[in-house]
Amino acid sequence: MVVIDNFLNKKTLKQLNNINLWKEYSFNKTNKYFWIGKKHKSKNIFESIITDKIFKKINKEIIKKSVCCQYWINFLKDDLDWHVDKDETIWKEKSILKKSVKNVVYYGYPHKIKGGNLLLDNGQKIEPKYNRLVVFDNTPHAVDNITSGTRVALSVNFWYETPTL
């Protein structure tokens, strides 16, 4: 696992300070995930951050083997149960567990919350601190109880096999 504080510069953070930008790509609003292939041209600031900044923090072998990455914005007001990020369609239809290989969470919006820590199955608890990037293997993880505010995060998953789209 890697945790990087002060991940992006002030200029980029200023652009990300617009809550409507986050809402536009929110899973809560769109009910869909967004996808980036290897030779993808960025269409928005989140894709630029992923391809220009986050890719550099992921092991080169994972980037080389990955066929795509999936991203979405989460707005959480409550906890999130233990889970692994997986191809939900294959899981529902055939009970086959096809999961992403590496997960990333980035807290780039200055949310004001209490709770909402990322919990990992090895007992680690990571605070959702502003401008913090967390990279971890796709093992069981959860978000603990949020007692006030809304947790805003960019989530990115790297895949060796293309999931059902």
N, C-alpha and C. Protein backbone atom coordinates (compact mmCIF):
# COMPACT_ATOMS: atom_id res chain seq x y z
N MET A 1 0.84 -1.17 0.00
CA MET A 1 0.00 0.00 0.00
C MET A 1 0.89 1.24 0.00
N VAL A 2 0.42 2.27 -0.70
CA VAL A 2 1.13 3.54 -0.77
C VAL A 2 0.16 4.65 -0.39
N VAL A 3 0.59 5.55 0.48
CA VAL A 3 -0.19 6.73 0.83
C VAL A 3 0.68 7.95 0.53
N ILE A 4 0.16 8.86 -0.29
CA ILE A 4 0.90 10.07 -0.64
C ILE A 4 0.05 11.28 -0.28
N ASP A 5 0.55 12.08 0.65
CA ASP A 5 -0.12 13.32 1.01
C ASP A 5 0.39 14.44 0.10
N ASN A 6 -0.41 15.50 -0.04
CA ASN A 6 -0.06 16.63 -0.90
C ASN A 6 0.27 16.17 -2.31
N PHE A 7 -0.61 15.33 -2.84
CA PHE A 7 -0.38 14.66 -4.13
C PHE A 7 -0.36 15.63 -5.32
N LEU A 8 -1.31 16.56 -5.37
CA LEU A 8 -1.38 17.47 -6.51
C LEU A 8 -1.00 18.89 -6.11
N ASN A 9 -0.60 19.67 -7.10
CA ASN A 9 -0.18 21.05 -6.84
C ASN A 9 -1.40 21.96 -6.63
N LYS A 10 -1.13 23.16 -6.13
CA LYS A 10 -2.21 24.11 -5.78
C LYS A 10 -3.04 24.51 -6.99
N LYS A 11 -2.42 24.63 -8.15
CA LYS A 11 -3.15 25.03 -9.36
C LYS A 11 -4.21 23.98 -9.71
N THR A 12 -3.84 22.72 -9.67
CA THR A 12 -4.80 21.64 -9.97
C THR A 12 -5.86 21.56 -8.89
N LEU A 13 -5.46 21.71 -7.64
CA LEU A 13 -6.43 21.67 -6.54
C LEU A 13 -7.47 22.78 -6.68
N LYS A 14 -7.04 23.93 -7.15
CA LYS A 14 -7.97 25.05 -7.34
C LYS A 14 -9.04 24.66 -8.37
N GLN A 15 -8.65 23.97 -9.43
CA GLN A 15 -9.60 23.50 -10.44
C GLN A 15 -10.57 22.49 -9.84
N LEU A 16 -10.07 21.64 -8.96
CA LEU A 16 -10.88 20.59 -8.35
C LEU A 16 -11.80 21.10 -7.24
N ASN A 17 -11.66 22.36 -6.89
CA ASN A 17 -12.43 22.94 -5.79
C ASN A 17 -13.88 23.21 -6.15
N ASN A 18 -14.30 22.84 -7.35
CA ASN A 18 -15.66 23.04 -7.83
C ASN A 18 -16.48 21.76 -7.61
N ILE A 19 -17.39 21.77 -6.66
CA ILE A 19 -18.17 20.57 -6.32
C ILE A 19 -19.00 20.09 -7.51
N ASN A 20 -19.44 21.01 -8.37
CA ASN A 20 -20.23 20.60 -9.53
C ASN A 20 -19.43 19.74 -10.51
N LEU A 21 -18.14 19.99 -10.61
CA LEU A 21 -17.26 19.16 -11.43
C LEU A 21 -17.27 17.72 -10.92
N TRP A 22 -17.16 17.55 -9.62
CA TRP A 22 -17.18 16.23 -9.01
C TRP A 22 -18.54 15.56 -9.21
N LYS A 23 -19.60 16.33 -9.06
CA LYS A 23 -20.95 15.78 -9.21
C LYS A 23 -21.21 15.31 -10.64
N GLU A 24 -20.65 16.01 -11.62
CA GLU A 24 -20.85 15.66 -13.02
C GLU A 24 -20.41 14.22 -13.34
N TYR A 25 -19.35 13.75 -12.66
CA TYR A 25 -18.83 12.40 -12.90
C TYR A 25 -19.14 11.44 -11.76
N SER A 26 -20.06 11.85 -10.91
CA SER A 26 -20.42 11.05 -9.75
C SER A 26 -21.22 9.81 -10.14
N PHE A 27 -20.85 8.68 -9.56
CA PHE A 27 -21.62 7.45 -9.77
C PHE A 27 -23.04 7.64 -9.27
N ASN A 28 -23.20 8.43 -8.21
CA ASN A 28 -24.53 8.70 -7.67
C ASN A 28 -25.44 9.35 -8.71
N LYS A 29 -24.86 10.19 -9.59
CA LYS A 29 -25.64 10.89 -10.61
C LYS A 29 -25.75 10.07 -11.89
N THR A 30 -24.63 9.52 -12.36
CA THR A 30 -24.59 8.88 -13.68
C THR A 30 -24.97 7.41 -13.63
N ASN A 31 -24.79 6.77 -12.47
CA ASN A 31 -25.01 5.33 -12.30
C ASN A 31 -24.17 4.52 -13.29
N LYS A 32 -22.99 5.07 -13.61
CA LYS A 32 -22.08 4.34 -14.49
C LYS A 32 -20.64 4.64 -14.12
N TYR A 33 -19.78 3.76 -14.61
CA TYR A 33 -18.35 3.92 -14.45
C TYR A 33 -17.79 4.50 -15.75
N PHE A 34 -16.63 5.13 -15.65
CA PHE A 34 -15.94 5.65 -16.83
C PHE A 34 -14.69 4.82 -17.05
N TRP A 35 -14.23 4.74 -18.30
CA TRP A 35 -13.14 3.84 -18.67
C TRP A 35 -12.04 4.56 -19.42
N ILE A 36 -10.82 4.13 -19.17
CA ILE A 36 -9.65 4.67 -19.87
C ILE A 36 -8.85 3.48 -20.39
N GLY A 37 -8.60 3.48 -21.69
CA GLY A 37 -7.73 2.47 -22.30
C GLY A 37 -6.28 2.96 -22.30
N LYS A 38 -5.37 2.13 -22.81
CA LYS A 38 -3.95 2.48 -22.76
C LYS A 38 -3.59 3.71 -23.58
N LYS A 39 -4.21 3.89 -24.71
CA LYS A 39 -3.86 5.03 -25.58
C LYS A 39 -4.95 6.09 -25.55
N HIS A 40 -5.53 6.24 -24.42
CA HIS A 40 -6.67 7.14 -24.23
C HIS A 40 -6.24 8.60 -24.22
N LYS A 41 -7.00 9.44 -24.87
CA LYS A 41 -6.79 10.89 -24.79
C LYS A 41 -7.76 11.44 -23.74
N SER A 42 -7.23 12.12 -22.78
CA SER A 42 -8.04 12.63 -21.66
C SER A 42 -9.12 13.58 -22.13
N LYS A 43 -10.33 13.39 -21.58
CA LYS A 43 -11.48 14.22 -21.93
C LYS A 43 -11.89 15.16 -20.81
N ASN A 44 -11.31 14.98 -19.62
CA ASN A 44 -11.67 15.84 -18.49
C ASN A 44 -10.52 15.85 -17.49
N ILE A 45 -10.64 16.67 -16.48
CA ILE A 45 -9.56 16.82 -15.51
C ILE A 45 -9.27 15.53 -14.75
N PHE A 46 -10.29 14.73 -14.48
CA PHE A 46 -10.07 13.49 -13.75
C PHE A 46 -9.23 12.51 -14.58
N GLU A 47 -9.53 12.42 -15.87
CA GLU A 47 -8.76 11.54 -16.75
C GLU A 47 -7.32 12.05 -16.89
N SER A 48 -7.14 13.35 -16.91
CA SER A 48 -5.78 13.91 -16.96
C SER A 48 -5.01 13.56 -15.69
N ILE A 49 -5.65 13.67 -14.55
CA ILE A 49 -4.99 13.31 -13.28
C ILE A 49 -4.61 11.83 -13.29
N ILE A 50 -5.51 11.00 -13.77
CA ILE A 50 -5.23 9.55 -13.81
C ILE A 50 -4.06 9.26 -14.73
N THR A 51 -4.12 9.74 -15.97
CA THR A 51 -3.08 9.39 -16.95
C THR A 51 -1.76 10.12 -16.71
N ASP A 52 -1.82 11.37 -16.25
CA ASP A 52 -0.59 12.15 -16.07
C ASP A 52 0.05 12.01 -14.70
N LYS A 53 -0.74 11.69 -13.69
CA LYS A 53 -0.21 11.67 -12.32
C LYS A 53 -0.31 10.29 -11.66
N ILE A 54 -1.49 9.72 -11.66
CA ILE A 54 -1.69 8.45 -10.94
C ILE A 54 -0.93 7.31 -11.62
N PHE A 55 -0.96 7.26 -12.96
CA PHE A 55 -0.22 6.20 -13.66
C PHE A 55 1.24 6.14 -13.20
N LYS A 56 1.82 7.28 -12.88
CA LYS A 56 3.23 7.33 -12.46
C LYS A 56 3.46 6.73 -11.07
N LYS A 57 2.39 6.59 -10.30
CA LYS A 57 2.52 6.05 -8.94
C LYS A 57 2.18 4.56 -8.88
N ILE A 58 1.78 4.00 -10.01
CA ILE A 58 1.44 2.58 -10.07
C ILE A 58 2.63 1.82 -10.65
N ASN A 59 2.88 0.64 -10.11
CA ASN A 59 3.96 -0.21 -10.60
C ASN A 59 3.88 -0.34 -12.13
N LYS A 60 5.01 -0.16 -12.80
CA LYS A 60 5.05 -0.20 -14.27
C LYS A 60 4.54 -1.52 -14.84
N GLU A 61 4.78 -2.62 -14.14
CA GLU A 61 4.30 -3.94 -14.61
C GLU A 61 2.77 -3.99 -14.62
N ILE A 62 2.17 -3.39 -13.62
CA ILE A 62 0.69 -3.37 -13.56
C ILE A 62 0.15 -2.53 -14.72
N ILE A 63 0.76 -1.38 -14.97
CA ILE A 63 0.33 -0.54 -16.09
C ILE A 63 0.49 -1.31 -17.40
N LYS A 64 1.62 -1.99 -17.55
CA LYS A 64 1.91 -2.73 -18.79
C LYS A 64 0.90 -3.86 -19.02
N LYS A 65 0.54 -4.57 -17.97
CA LYS A 65 -0.39 -5.71 -18.07
C LYS A 65 -1.85 -5.29 -18.10
N SER A 66 -2.15 -4.10 -17.62
CA SER A 66 -3.55 -3.66 -17.54
C SER A 66 -4.11 -3.38 -18.93
N VAL A 67 -5.35 -3.79 -19.13
CA VAL A 67 -6.02 -3.51 -20.41
C VAL A 67 -6.80 -2.20 -20.32
N CYS A 68 -7.17 -1.82 -19.12
CA CYS A 68 -7.92 -0.57 -18.94
C CYS A 68 -7.96 -0.23 -17.46
N CYS A 69 -8.43 0.98 -17.21
CA CYS A 69 -8.77 1.32 -15.83
C CYS A 69 -10.14 1.96 -15.83
N GLN A 70 -10.78 1.79 -14.72
CA GLN A 70 -12.15 2.23 -14.50
C GLN A 70 -12.08 3.32 -13.45
N TYR A 71 -12.91 4.35 -13.61
CA TYR A 71 -12.94 5.37 -12.56
C TYR A 71 -14.36 5.89 -12.35
N TRP A 72 -14.57 6.43 -11.18
CA TRP A 72 -15.84 7.05 -10.82
C TRP A 72 -15.62 7.94 -9.61
N ILE A 73 -16.58 8.79 -9.36
CA ILE A 73 -16.55 9.67 -8.18
C ILE A 73 -17.60 9.16 -7.20
N ASN A 74 -17.20 9.05 -5.94
CA ASN A 74 -18.11 8.61 -4.88
C ASN A 74 -18.43 9.75 -3.93
N PHE A 75 -19.69 9.89 -3.63
CA PHE A 75 -20.15 10.79 -2.57
C PHE A 75 -20.77 9.87 -1.53
N LEU A 76 -20.13 9.74 -0.38
CA LEU A 76 -20.66 8.87 0.68
C LEU A 76 -21.05 9.68 1.90
N LYS A 77 -22.23 9.39 2.42
CA LYS A 77 -22.70 10.01 3.66
C LYS A 77 -22.79 9.00 4.79
N ASP A 78 -22.51 7.75 4.46
CA ASP A 78 -22.62 6.65 5.42
C ASP A 78 -21.47 5.68 5.19
N ASP A 79 -21.42 4.62 5.94
CA ASP A 79 -20.36 3.64 5.77
C ASP A 79 -20.56 2.84 4.48
N LEU A 80 -19.54 2.07 4.12
CA LEU A 80 -19.59 1.18 2.96
C LEU A 80 -19.08 -0.16 3.45
N ASP A 81 -19.91 -1.20 3.30
CA ASP A 81 -19.56 -2.53 3.82
C ASP A 81 -18.31 -3.10 3.16
N TRP A 82 -17.77 -4.13 3.80
CA TRP A 82 -16.59 -4.83 3.29
C TRP A 82 -16.91 -5.42 1.92
N HIS A 83 -15.96 -5.26 1.00
CA HIS A 83 -16.15 -5.74 -0.37
C HIS A 83 -14.80 -5.77 -1.10
N VAL A 84 -14.78 -6.40 -2.26
CA VAL A 84 -13.70 -6.24 -3.22
C VAL A 84 -14.34 -5.65 -4.47
N ASP A 85 -13.59 -4.86 -5.20
CA ASP A 85 -14.13 -4.29 -6.44
C ASP A 85 -14.05 -5.37 -7.51
N LYS A 86 -15.18 -5.62 -8.13
CA LYS A 86 -15.27 -6.76 -9.05
C LYS A 86 -16.18 -6.44 -10.23
N ASP A 87 -16.15 -7.32 -11.21
CA ASP A 87 -17.06 -7.23 -12.35
C ASP A 87 -18.43 -7.64 -11.82
N GLU A 88 -19.26 -6.65 -11.58
CA GLU A 88 -20.57 -6.91 -10.95
C GLU A 88 -21.48 -7.75 -11.83
N THR A 89 -21.41 -7.59 -13.14
CA THR A 89 -22.28 -8.34 -14.04
C THR A 89 -21.97 -9.84 -13.99
N ILE A 90 -20.70 -10.20 -14.12
CA ILE A 90 -20.29 -11.61 -14.08
C ILE A 90 -20.61 -12.21 -12.70
N TRP A 91 -20.42 -11.42 -11.66
CA TRP A 91 -20.72 -11.90 -10.31
C TRP A 91 -22.21 -12.20 -10.15
N LYS A 92 -23.07 -11.27 -10.62
CA LYS A 92 -24.51 -11.46 -10.48
C LYS A 92 -25.03 -12.60 -11.36
N GLU A 93 -24.50 -12.70 -12.58
CA GLU A 93 -25.01 -13.70 -13.53
C GLU A 93 -24.46 -15.10 -13.31
N LYS A 94 -23.16 -15.20 -12.95
CA LYS A 94 -22.51 -16.52 -12.90
C LYS A 94 -21.79 -16.80 -11.58
N SER A 95 -21.83 -15.89 -10.64
CA SER A 95 -21.12 -16.01 -9.36
C SER A 95 -19.62 -16.25 -9.56
N ILE A 96 -19.06 -15.65 -10.62
CA ILE A 96 -17.62 -15.71 -10.87
C ILE A 96 -17.00 -14.42 -10.37
N LEU A 97 -15.96 -14.57 -9.54
CA LEU A 97 -15.30 -13.39 -8.98
C LEU A 97 -14.15 -12.97 -9.90
N LYS A 98 -14.38 -11.92 -10.64
CA LYS A 98 -13.38 -11.33 -11.54
C LYS A 98 -13.13 -9.93 -10.99
N LYS A 99 -11.95 -9.73 -10.38
CA LYS A 99 -11.73 -8.46 -9.69
C LYS A 99 -10.57 -7.67 -10.29
N SER A 100 -10.61 -6.39 -10.02
CA SER A 100 -9.51 -5.52 -10.46
C SER A 100 -8.25 -5.89 -9.70
N VAL A 101 -7.10 -5.49 -10.24
CA VAL A 101 -5.83 -5.87 -9.63
C VAL A 101 -5.30 -4.83 -8.65
N LYS A 102 -5.57 -3.56 -8.90
CA LYS A 102 -5.06 -2.49 -8.05
C LYS A 102 -6.13 -1.42 -7.93
N ASN A 103 -6.25 -0.85 -6.73
CA ASN A 103 -7.25 0.18 -6.46
C ASN A 103 -6.56 1.46 -6.02
N VAL A 104 -7.19 2.57 -6.38
CA VAL A 104 -6.69 3.90 -6.00
C VAL A 104 -7.87 4.71 -5.49
N VAL A 105 -7.64 5.44 -4.41
CA VAL A 105 -8.62 6.41 -3.92
C VAL A 105 -7.88 7.73 -3.78
N TYR A 106 -8.47 8.79 -4.33
CA TYR A 106 -7.88 10.12 -4.21
C TYR A 106 -8.92 11.08 -3.62
N TYR A 107 -8.51 11.78 -2.56
CA TYR A 107 -9.37 12.75 -1.89
C TYR A 107 -8.96 14.15 -2.33
N GLY A 108 -9.49 14.60 -3.48
CA GLY A 108 -9.09 15.86 -4.06
C GLY A 108 -10.07 16.99 -3.88
N TYR A 109 -11.15 16.73 -3.14
CA TYR A 109 -12.10 17.80 -2.84
C TYR A 109 -12.01 18.10 -1.35
N PRO A 110 -11.99 19.38 -0.95
CA PRO A 110 -11.82 19.71 0.47
C PRO A 110 -13.08 19.44 1.30
N HIS A 111 -13.43 18.17 1.38
CA HIS A 111 -14.61 17.80 2.16
C HIS A 111 -14.33 17.99 3.65
N LYS A 112 -15.38 18.20 4.38
CA LYS A 112 -15.28 18.34 5.84
C LYS A 112 -16.12 17.22 6.43
N ILE A 113 -15.45 16.18 6.88
CA ILE A 113 -16.17 15.03 7.42
C ILE A 113 -15.55 14.54 8.70
N LYS A 114 -16.34 13.78 9.43
CA LYS A 114 -15.85 13.03 10.60
C LYS A 114 -16.11 11.58 10.29
N GLY A 115 -15.10 10.76 10.44
CA GLY A 115 -15.21 9.34 10.08
C GLY A 115 -14.87 9.15 8.62
N GLY A 116 -15.41 8.08 8.03
CA GLY A 116 -15.19 7.83 6.61
C GLY A 116 -13.81 7.30 6.27
N ASN A 117 -13.14 6.69 7.26
CA ASN A 117 -11.81 6.13 7.01
C ASN A 117 -11.89 4.93 6.08
N LEU A 118 -10.89 4.78 5.23
CA LEU A 118 -10.73 3.60 4.40
C LEU A 118 -10.16 2.50 5.30
N LEU A 119 -10.86 1.37 5.36
CA LEU A 119 -10.43 0.25 6.20
C LEU A 119 -9.92 -0.87 5.30
N LEU A 120 -8.74 -1.39 5.58
CA LEU A 120 -8.17 -2.49 4.82
C LEU A 120 -8.18 -3.75 5.66
N ASP A 121 -8.21 -4.89 4.98
CA ASP A 121 -8.35 -6.17 5.70
C ASP A 121 -7.14 -6.52 6.56
N ASN A 122 -6.03 -5.80 6.42
CA ASN A 122 -4.86 -6.06 7.27
C ASN A 122 -4.90 -5.22 8.54
N GLY A 123 -6.03 -4.52 8.77
CA GLY A 123 -6.20 -3.74 9.99
C GLY A 123 -5.85 -2.27 9.83
N GLN A 124 -5.32 -1.89 8.68
CA GLN A 124 -4.97 -0.48 8.48
C GLN A 124 -6.22 0.37 8.31
N LYS A 125 -6.12 1.59 8.82
CA LYS A 125 -7.22 2.56 8.77
C LYS A 125 -6.62 3.85 8.22
N ILE A 126 -7.12 4.30 7.05
CA ILE A 126 -6.55 5.48 6.40
C ILE A 126 -7.58 6.60 6.39
N GLU A 127 -7.20 7.71 6.99
CA GLU A 127 -8.07 8.88 7.08
C GLU A 127 -8.27 9.50 5.69
N PRO A 128 -9.50 9.94 5.36
CA PRO A 128 -9.76 10.56 4.06
C PRO A 128 -9.30 12.03 4.03
N LYS A 129 -8.02 12.22 4.10
CA LYS A 129 -7.42 13.54 4.20
C LYS A 129 -7.36 14.22 2.82
N TYR A 130 -7.69 15.51 2.80
CA TYR A 130 -7.66 16.31 1.57
C TYR A 130 -6.30 16.21 0.88
N ASN A 131 -6.33 15.98 -0.44
CA ASN A 131 -5.16 15.88 -1.32
C ASN A 131 -4.30 14.64 -1.00
N ARG A 132 -4.94 13.59 -0.53
CA ARG A 132 -4.26 12.33 -0.22
C ARG A 132 -4.59 11.30 -1.30
N LEU A 133 -3.57 10.60 -1.77
CA LEU A 133 -3.71 9.49 -2.71
C LEU A 133 -3.40 8.20 -1.97
N VAL A 134 -4.26 7.20 -2.15
CA VAL A 134 -4.04 5.88 -1.53
C VAL A 134 -4.09 4.84 -2.65
N VAL A 135 -3.04 4.02 -2.73
CA VAL A 135 -2.96 2.94 -3.72
C VAL A 135 -2.86 1.64 -2.93
N PHE A 136 -3.75 0.67 -3.26
CA PHE A 136 -3.74 -0.58 -2.51
C PHE A 136 -4.18 -1.74 -3.38
N ASP A 137 -3.77 -2.95 -2.98
CA ASP A 137 -4.21 -4.15 -3.67
C ASP A 137 -5.70 -4.34 -3.44
N ASN A 138 -6.36 -4.97 -4.39
CA ASN A 138 -7.81 -5.17 -4.27
C ASN A 138 -8.11 -6.35 -3.36
N THR A 139 -7.90 -6.12 -2.09
CA THR A 139 -8.29 -7.08 -1.06
C THR A 139 -9.54 -6.50 -0.39
N PRO A 140 -10.20 -7.25 0.47
CA PRO A 140 -11.39 -6.69 1.11
C PRO A 140 -11.09 -5.34 1.78
N HIS A 141 -11.99 -4.39 1.54
CA HIS A 141 -11.86 -3.05 2.11
C HIS A 141 -13.26 -2.49 2.36
N ALA A 142 -13.31 -1.45 3.17
CA ALA A 142 -14.59 -0.85 3.57
C ALA A 142 -14.36 0.62 3.90
N VAL A 143 -15.44 1.32 4.17
CA VAL A 143 -15.38 2.69 4.67
C VAL A 143 -16.15 2.70 5.98
N ASP A 144 -15.49 3.22 7.05
CA ASP A 144 -16.18 3.21 8.34
C ASP A 144 -17.20 4.34 8.44
N ASN A 145 -17.94 4.32 9.51
CA ASN A 145 -19.08 5.21 9.71
C ASN A 145 -18.69 6.69 9.56
N ILE A 146 -19.51 7.41 8.82
CA ILE A 146 -19.34 8.85 8.67
C ILE A 146 -20.34 9.50 9.62
N THR A 147 -19.84 10.24 10.59
CA THR A 147 -20.72 10.83 11.60
C THR A 147 -21.19 12.23 11.21
N SER A 148 -20.44 12.91 10.32
CA SER A 148 -20.92 14.19 9.79
C SER A 148 -20.21 14.49 8.47
N GLY A 149 -20.93 15.17 7.58
CA GLY A 149 -20.37 15.55 6.29
C GLY A 149 -20.51 14.47 5.23
N THR A 150 -19.91 14.73 4.07
CA THR A 150 -19.94 13.81 2.94
C THR A 150 -18.52 13.55 2.47
N ARG A 151 -18.18 12.30 2.31
CA ARG A 151 -16.86 11.89 1.82
C ARG A 151 -16.89 11.92 0.30
N VAL A 152 -15.98 12.70 -0.29
CA VAL A 152 -15.89 12.84 -1.75
C VAL A 152 -14.56 12.24 -2.19
N ALA A 153 -14.61 11.30 -3.15
CA ALA A 153 -13.37 10.64 -3.57
C ALA A 153 -13.44 10.22 -5.03
N LEU A 154 -12.28 10.28 -5.68
CA LEU A 154 -12.08 9.70 -7.00
C LEU A 154 -11.57 8.29 -6.77
N SER A 155 -12.26 7.30 -7.34
CA SER A 155 -11.83 5.91 -7.23
C SER A 155 -11.39 5.42 -8.59
N VAL A 156 -10.29 4.67 -8.63
CA VAL A 156 -9.74 4.14 -9.88
C VAL A 156 -9.36 2.68 -9.66
N ASN A 157 -9.75 1.82 -10.60
CA ASN A 157 -9.38 0.41 -10.56
C ASN A 157 -8.63 0.05 -11.83
N PHE A 158 -7.58 -0.74 -11.69
CA PHE A 158 -6.82 -1.23 -12.83
C PHE A 158 -7.18 -2.70 -13.07
N TRP A 159 -7.37 -3.06 -14.35
CA TRP A 159 -7.86 -4.39 -14.72
C TRP A 159 -6.88 -5.07 -15.68
N TYR A 160 -6.61 -6.36 -15.43
CA TYR A 160 -5.84 -7.18 -16.37
C TYR A 160 -6.72 -7.74 -17.48
N GLU A 161 -7.98 -7.94 -17.17
CA GLU A 161 -8.97 -8.41 -18.16
C GLU A 161 -10.08 -7.36 -18.22
N THR A 162 -10.58 -7.13 -19.42
CA THR A 162 -11.67 -6.16 -19.54
C THR A 162 -12.92 -6.69 -18.86
N PRO A 163 -13.46 -5.95 -17.89
CA PRO A 163 -14.70 -6.39 -17.26
C PRO A 163 -15.89 -6.18 -18.19
N THR A 164 -17.01 -6.75 -17.82
CA THR A 164 -18.23 -6.55 -18.60
C THR A 164 -18.60 -5.07 -18.52
N LEU A 165 -18.81 -4.48 -19.66
CA LEU A 165 -19.09 -3.03 -19.68
C LEU A 165 -20.57 -2.76 -19.76
